[in-house]
C-alpha atoms as a PDB file:
ATOM      1  CA  MET A   1       7.323 -12.650 -37.996  1.00  0.00           C
ATOM      2  CA  SER A   2       9.688 -16.497 -37.854  1.00  0.00           C
ATOM      3  CA  ASN A   3       8.359 -20.199 -38.235  1.00  0.00           C
ATOM      4  CA  LYS A   4      11.982 -20.814 -36.111  1.00  0.00           C
ATOM      5  CA  ALA A   5      11.117 -22.169 -32.783  1.00  0.00           C
ATOM      6  CA  THR A   6      12.297 -19.917 -30.267  1.00  0.00           C
ATOM      7  CA  HIS A   7      11.765 -22.307 -26.891  1.00  0.00           C
ATOM      8  CA  PRO A   8      13.116 -25.061 -26.353  1.00  0.00           C
ATOM      9  CA  PRO A   9      12.003 -27.957 -28.308  1.00  0.00           C
ATOM     10  CA  ASP A  10      10.165 -30.173 -25.206  1.00  0.00           C
ATOM     11  CA  THR A  11       8.317 -26.599 -24.546  1.00  0.00           C
ATOM     12  CA  PRO A  12       4.689 -27.512 -25.169  1.00  0.00           C
ATOM     13  CA  LEU A  13       2.792 -25.272 -27.224  1.00  0.00           C
ATOM     14  CA  TYR A  14      -0.806 -24.338 -27.668  1.00  0.00           C
ATOM     15  CA  PRO A  15      -2.894 -23.469 -30.817  1.00  0.00           C
ATOM     16  CA  ILE A  16      -4.500 -19.951 -30.432  1.00  0.00           C
ATOM     17  CA  ARG A  17      -8.506 -21.687 -29.801  1.00  0.00           C
ATOM     18  CA  GLU A  18      -6.426 -23.918 -27.089  1.00  0.00           C
ATOM     19  CA  VAL A  19      -5.221 -20.162 -25.681  1.00  0.00           C
ATOM     20  CA  SER A  20      -8.484 -17.641 -26.412  1.00  0.00           C
ATOM     21  CA  ARG A  21      -9.810 -21.468 -24.018  1.00  0.00           C
ATOM     22  CA  LEU A  22      -7.575 -20.368 -21.277  1.00  0.00           C
ATOM     23  CA  THR A  23      -6.739 -16.759 -20.966  1.00  0.00           C
ATOM     24  CA  GLY A  24     -10.958 -15.556 -21.713  1.00  0.00           C
ATOM     25  CA  VAL A  25      -9.097 -13.325 -25.083  1.00  0.00           C
ATOM     26  CA  ASN A  26     -10.764 -14.174 -28.601  1.00  0.00           C
ATOM     27  CA  SER A  27      -8.664 -14.804 -31.189  1.00  0.00           C
ATOM     28  CA  VAL A  28      -9.627 -12.420 -33.400  1.00  0.00           C
ATOM     29  CA  THR A  29      -8.288 -10.374 -30.682  1.00  0.00           C
ATOM     30  CA  LEU A  30      -5.206 -12.241 -29.951  1.00  0.00           C
ATOM     31  CA  ARG A  31      -4.192 -11.548 -34.015  1.00  0.00           C
ATOM     32  CA  ALA A  32      -4.731  -7.801 -34.143  1.00  0.00           C
ATOM     33  CA  TRP A  33      -2.426  -7.567 -31.304  1.00  0.00           C
ATOM     34  CA  GLU A  34       0.031  -9.042 -32.552  1.00  0.00           C
ATOM     35  CA  ARG A  35      -0.379  -7.819 -36.010  1.00  0.00           C
ATOM     36  CA  ARG A  36      -1.568  -4.224 -34.601  1.00  0.00           C
ATOM     37  CA  TYR A  37       0.873  -4.011 -31.537  1.00  0.00           C
ATOM     38  CA  GLY A  38       3.290  -5.993 -32.041  1.00  0.00           C
ATOM     39  CA  LEU A  39       2.439  -7.241 -28.465  1.00  0.00           C
ATOM     40  CA  ILE A  40       2.983 -11.606 -28.884  1.00  0.00           C
ATOM     41  CA  ARG A  41       5.466 -13.293 -31.391  1.00  0.00           C
ATOM     42  CA  PRO A  42       3.569 -16.430 -31.758  1.00  0.00           C
ATOM     43  CA  GLN A  43       5.499 -19.147 -33.010  1.00  0.00           C
ATOM     44  CA  ARG A  44       4.418 -21.098 -36.662  1.00  0.00           C
ATOM     45  CA  THR A  45       3.960 -23.986 -38.626  1.00  0.00           C
ATOM     46  CA  PRO A  46       4.946 -24.873 -41.603  1.00  0.00           C
ATOM     47  CA  LYS A  47       1.555 -23.846 -42.575  1.00  0.00           C
ATOM     48  CA  GLY A  48       0.864 -20.848 -40.783  1.00  0.00           C
ATOM     49  CA  HIS A  49      -0.632 -21.463 -37.620  1.00  0.00           C
ATOM     50  CA  ARG A  50      -0.331 -19.947 -34.870  1.00  0.00           C
ATOM     51  CA  LEU A  51       1.376 -22.179 -31.568  1.00  0.00           C
ATOM     52  CA  TYR A  52       2.020 -20.498 -28.541  1.00  0.00           C
ATOM     53  CA  ALA A  53       4.504 -21.030 -25.249  1.00  0.00           C
ATOM     54  CA  GLN A  54       3.511 -20.586 -21.434  1.00  0.00           C
ATOM     55  CA  ASP A  55       5.793 -17.280 -21.282  1.00  0.00           C
ATOM     56  CA  ASP A  56       2.856 -16.204 -24.488  1.00  0.00           C
ATOM     57  CA  ILE A  57       0.549 -17.614 -21.969  1.00  0.00           C
ATOM     58  CA  SER A  58       1.860 -15.356 -19.097  1.00  0.00           C
ATOM     59  CA  ARG A  59       2.310 -12.249 -21.428  1.00  0.00           C
ATOM     60  CA  ILE A  60      -1.350 -12.124 -22.455  1.00  0.00           C
ATOM     61  CA  GLU A  61      -2.048 -12.474 -18.123  1.00  0.00           C
ATOM     62  CA  ARG A  62       0.169  -9.179 -18.927  1.00  0.00           C
ATOM     63  CA  ILE A  63      -1.542  -7.757 -21.153  1.00  0.00           C
ATOM     64  CA  LEU A  64      -4.744  -7.950 -19.792  1.00  0.00           C
ATOM     65  CA  GLN A  65      -3.518  -7.078 -16.089  1.00  0.00           C
ATOM     66  CA  TRP A  66      -2.899  -3.280 -17.236  1.00  0.00           C
ATOM     67  CA  LEU A  67      -5.813  -2.743 -20.336  1.00  0.00           C
ATOM     68  CA  ASN A  68      -7.742  -3.493 -16.727  1.00  0.00           C
ATOM     69  CA  ARG A  69      -6.159  -1.277 -14.990  1.00  0.00           C
ATOM     70  CA  GLY A  70      -7.499   0.732 -18.219  1.00  0.00           C
ATOM     71  CA  VAL A  71      -3.813   1.591 -19.804  1.00  0.00           C
ATOM     72  CA  PRO A  72      -5.187   1.957 -23.159  1.00  0.00           C
ATOM     73  CA  VAL A  73      -3.866  -1.339 -26.034  1.00  0.00           C
ATOM     74  CA  SER A  74      -1.369   0.816 -27.840  1.00  0.00           C
ATOM     75  CA  GLN A  75       0.494   1.758 -24.601  1.00  0.00           C
ATOM     76  CA  VAL A  76       0.828  -1.499 -22.944  1.00  0.00           C
ATOM     77  CA  ALA A  77       4.251  -2.507 -25.061  1.00  0.00           C
ATOM     78  CA  ASP A  78       5.303   0.260 -23.603  1.00  0.00           C
ATOM     79  CA  LEU A  79       4.857  -0.715 -20.565  1.00  0.00           C
ATOM     80  CA  LEU A  80       5.755  -4.863 -20.413  1.00  0.00           C
ATOM     81  CA  ASP A  81       8.730  -3.542 -22.540  1.00  0.00           C
ATOM     82  CA  GLN A  82       9.908  -2.006 -19.635  1.00  0.00           C
ATOM     83  CA  PRO A  83      12.680  -4.036 -17.254  1.00  0.00           C
ATOM     84  CA  GLU A  84      10.830  -3.209 -13.710  1.00  0.00           C
ATOM     85  CA  THR A  85      10.483   0.561 -13.285  1.00  0.00           C
ATOM     86  CA  VAL A  86       6.727   0.264 -13.687  1.00  0.00           C
ATOM     87  CA  GLU A  87       5.884  -3.760 -12.446  1.00  0.00           C
ATOM     88  CA  ALA A  88       2.554  -5.636 -13.561  1.00  0.00           C
ATOM     89  CA  PRO A  89      -0.464  -4.530 -11.477  1.00  0.00           C
ATOM     90  CA  ALA A  90      -1.140  -6.929  -9.254  1.00  0.00           C
ATOM     91  CA  PRO A  91      -4.143  -9.161 -10.268  1.00  0.00           C
ATOM     92  CA  ASP A  92      -6.408  -8.731  -7.149  1.00  0.00           C
ATOM     93  CA  ALA A  93      -4.716  -5.043  -6.373  1.00  0.00           C
ATOM     94  CA  GLY A  94      -7.607  -2.421  -5.048  1.00  0.00           C
ATOM     95  CA  THR A  95     -10.037  -1.258  -6.796  1.00  0.00           C
ATOM     96  CA  GLY A  96     -12.177   2.175  -6.298  1.00  0.00           C
ATOM     97  CA  LEU A  97     -11.045   5.427  -7.147  1.00  0.00           C
ATOM     98  CA  ALA A  98      -8.234   5.310  -4.238  1.00  0.00           C
ATOM     99  CA  SER A  99      -6.288   2.768  -6.064  1.00  0.00           C
ATOM    100  CA  ALA A 100      -6.621   3.668  -9.878  1.00  0.00           C
ATOM    101  CA  SER A 101      -5.091   7.361  -8.799  1.00  0.00           C
ATOM    102  CA  SER A 102      -2.209   6.062  -6.644  1.00  0.00           C
ATOM    103  CA  PHE A 103      -1.289   3.570  -9.577  1.00  0.00           C
ATOM    104  CA  TRP A 104      -0.624   6.450 -11.544  1.00  0.00           C
ATOM    105  CA  ARG A 105       0.359   8.611  -9.951  1.00  0.00           C
ATOM    106  CA  SER A 106       3.318   5.615  -9.610  1.00  0.00           C
ATOM    107  CA  LEU A 107       4.085   5.569 -12.854  1.00  0.00           C
ATOM    108  CA  LYS A 108       6.346   8.111 -14.092  1.00  0.00           C
ATOM    109  CA  PRO A 109       6.647  10.325 -16.136  1.00  0.00           C
ATOM    110  CA  SER A 110       8.580   8.571 -18.431  1.00  0.00           C
ATOM    111  CA  THR A 111       6.353   5.718 -19.042  1.00  0.00           C
ATOM    112  CA  PHE A 112       4.153   7.404 -21.658  1.00  0.00           C
ATOM    113  CA  PRO A 113       7.024   9.449 -23.261  1.00  0.00           C
ATOM    114  CA  SER A 114       4.265  10.915 -25.578  1.00  0.00           C
ATOM    115  CA  TRP A 115       1.240  13.276 -22.620  1.00  0.00           C
ATOM    116  CA  LYS A 116       2.431  16.328 -21.973  1.00  0.00           C
ATOM    117  CA  ARG A 117       2.898  17.976 -19.106  1.00  0.00           C
ATOM    118  CA  SER A 118       0.887  20.872 -19.711  1.00  0.00           C
ATOM    119  CA  THR A 119      -2.718  18.611 -21.133  1.00  0.00           C
ATOM    120  CA  ILE A 120      -2.594  16.758 -17.891  1.00  0.00           C
ATOM    121  CA  LYS A 121      -4.713  18.011 -15.240  1.00  0.00           C
ATOM    122  CA  ALA A 122      -5.628  16.963 -12.085  1.00  0.00           C
END
């Protein structure tokens, strides 16, 4: 992690407690996502406090969309970093078995390289 600013100087920055309030994600969880999975990379103050830009908050919201669809947190980073090959699910996308099934069928096999075809049963 770098202490150097990655956003323009006039970009508003939010402390972790405010990001937690805005997103509904516990601050302990935000720190774990950063440390364990590298999902978010907030800026740091000289004393080490995390500061999040609006881009970071938007990324957290996309993470939540994937998690709400049942994707394990350990696989979300791969999905977020892919260029438009896999679209993030819409927040108000249909619910139920039919829409979940069509969502999973829409993913390309390369999305989850660690999954083997022989272990996936329909």
